[in-house]
Amino acid sequence: MTGGSNVQDTSSSQVRTGRNASYGAERLESLTGREREVLLLLGTGLGNRELARELKIAERTVKAHIANIVRKIGQQTRTQAAIVAALAHDTLCSDPACTRHLPRVPGPWRAPSPM
C-alpha cells in the first residue's frame, strides 16, 4: 500500500475553494481600466487605505471598485481576487520596467496569456 493522495494534481486554492484561481484570470477583459489598476495593486497586498492613498481616491471608492472586481471575475472574496491578481500580474501590468514580472515558465499554475 502506498501513501499516495487520492486528490488529483490541482492547485491548493482549487482544493480549498472548489474553484481554480485561473478561472478569474480568464475574465479580466471585463474590467475597466481603473478596475484593472485597483486589482493590480490589490495583488501586492495593500489594504483599502493604502490603495486609496496610492490611487488618490476615497477609501469608499476603493471598496466599490473591489466589490465590482470580485463580482466581475467570478470570485467570492477580496483575497481570491488578490490571488488572481498575483497570478495574472503579467497580464494586468503593461510596464516593461516592472520588477514583479515573472520569467515565462510554462505550467498549470500560470495565468493564461492574453491572445
Protein backbone atom coordinates (compact mmCIF):
# COMPACT_ATOMS: atom_id res chain seq x y z
CA MET A 1 0.00 0.00 0.00
CA THR A 2 1.38 3.39 -0.97
CA GLY A 3 0.96 6.68 0.85
CA GLY A 4 -0.31 8.48 -2.29
CA SER A 5 -3.06 11.02 -2.21
CA ASN A 6 -6.48 10.49 -3.73
CA VAL A 7 -6.62 14.16 -4.76
CA GLN A 8 -5.77 14.80 -8.39
CA ASP A 9 -2.98 17.21 -9.28
CA THR A 10 -4.70 20.57 -8.70
CA SER A 11 -3.75 23.85 -7.13
CA SER A 12 -4.33 24.15 -3.40
CA SER A 13 -6.72 27.08 -3.95
CA GLN A 14 -8.90 24.85 -6.09
CA VAL A 15 -8.84 22.08 -3.50
CA ARG A 16 -9.87 24.51 -0.74
CA THR A 17 -12.45 26.57 -2.62
CA GLY A 18 -13.59 24.24 -5.38
CA ARG A 19 -12.62 26.89 -7.92
CA ASN A 20 -9.42 27.28 -9.88
CA ALA A 21 -7.88 30.75 -9.39
CA SER A 22 -7.06 30.97 -13.11
CA TYR A 23 -10.84 30.98 -13.74
CA GLY A 24 -10.86 34.66 -12.71
CA ALA A 25 -7.86 35.46 -14.87
CA GLU A 26 -9.87 34.44 -17.95
CA ARG A 27 -12.43 37.15 -17.11
CA LEU A 28 -10.04 40.09 -16.75
CA GLU A 29 -11.13 41.58 -20.05
CA SER A 30 -14.48 42.55 -18.46
CA LEU A 31 -12.74 45.02 -16.13
CA THR A 32 -12.45 48.75 -16.76
CA GLY A 33 -9.00 50.31 -16.86
CA ARG A 34 -9.39 51.68 -13.33
CA GLU A 35 -10.60 48.30 -12.02
CA ARG A 36 -7.54 46.65 -13.59
CA GLU A 37 -5.34 49.23 -11.85
CA VAL A 38 -7.04 48.57 -8.49
CA LEU A 39 -6.76 44.80 -8.99
CA LEU A 40 -3.07 45.07 -9.85
CA LEU A 41 -2.40 46.97 -6.62
CA LEU A 42 -4.68 44.63 -4.65
CA GLY A 43 -2.40 41.78 -5.68
CA THR A 44 0.52 43.49 -3.93
CA GLY A 45 -1.21 43.09 -0.57
CA LEU A 46 -2.14 46.71 0.09
CA GLY A 47 -5.14 47.45 2.30
CA ASN A 48 -8.01 49.74 1.31
CA ARG A 49 -6.50 52.79 2.96
CA GLU A 50 -3.15 52.30 1.21
CA LEU A 51 -4.90 51.64 -2.10
CA ALA A 52 -6.87 54.87 -1.71
CA ARG A 53 -3.72 56.86 -0.98
CA GLU A 54 -1.84 55.32 -3.89
CA LEU A 55 -4.70 55.96 -6.34
CA LYS A 56 -5.64 59.33 -4.84
CA ILE A 57 -9.30 58.32 -4.41
CA ALA A 58 -11.60 57.85 -1.43
CA GLU A 59 -11.44 54.63 0.55
CA ARG A 60 -15.16 54.16 -0.11
CA THR A 61 -14.43 54.27 -3.86
CA VAL A 62 -11.75 51.60 -3.41
CA LYS A 63 -14.30 49.37 -1.67
CA ALA A 64 -16.76 49.87 -4.52
CA HIS A 65 -14.09 49.01 -7.12
CA ILE A 66 -13.10 45.86 -5.21
CA ALA A 67 -16.73 44.73 -4.93
CA ASN A 68 -17.16 45.20 -8.70
CA ILE A 69 -13.89 43.39 -9.43
CA VAL A 70 -14.76 40.40 -7.23
CA ARG A 71 -18.15 40.10 -8.94
CA LYS A 72 -16.84 40.54 -12.50
CA ILE A 73 -14.04 37.99 -12.20
CA GLY A 74 -16.33 35.45 -10.57
CA GLN A 75 -14.63 35.21 -7.21
CA GLN A 76 -16.19 35.27 -3.74
CA THR A 77 -13.71 37.24 -1.66
CA ARG A 78 -11.19 40.03 -1.91
CA THR A 79 -8.46 37.51 -1.07
CA GLN A 80 -9.41 35.33 -4.03
CA ALA A 81 -9.29 38.41 -6.27
CA ALA A 82 -5.84 39.27 -4.89
CA ILE A 83 -4.65 35.76 -5.76
CA VAL A 84 -5.98 36.16 -9.30
CA ALA A 85 -4.14 39.50 -9.48
CA ALA A 86 -0.88 37.92 -8.35
CA LEU A 87 -1.24 35.06 -10.85
CA ALA A 88 -2.21 37.41 -13.68
CA HIS A 89 0.31 40.16 -12.92
CA ASP A 90 1.92 39.92 -16.35
CA THR A 91 -1.49 40.32 -18.00
CA LEU A 92 -2.52 43.28 -15.83
CA CYS A 93 0.79 45.17 -15.80
CA SER A 94 1.92 46.74 -19.05
CA ASP A 95 5.02 48.40 -17.57
CA PRO A 96 8.08 46.70 -19.12
CA ALA A 97 10.27 48.11 -16.33
CA CYS A 98 8.17 46.42 -13.63
CA THR A 99 10.36 44.25 -11.44
CA ARG A 100 7.45 41.99 -10.41
CA HIS A 101 7.14 40.33 -13.82
CA LEU A 102 7.87 36.64 -13.59
CA PRO A 103 10.04 34.84 -16.12
CA ARG A 104 7.98 32.97 -18.69
CA VAL A 105 7.70 29.47 -17.28
CA PRO A 106 5.17 27.01 -18.69
CA GLY A 107 2.98 25.36 -16.09
CA PRO A 108 -0.61 24.90 -15.00
CA TRP A 109 -0.30 27.49 -12.21
CA ARG A 110 0.36 30.39 -14.59
CA ALA A 111 -2.45 32.70 -15.70
CA PRO A 112 -3.33 32.31 -19.38
CA SER A 113 -1.51 34.65 -21.75
CA PRO A 114 -3.67 37.28 -23.47
CA MET A 115 -4.46 36.50 -27.07
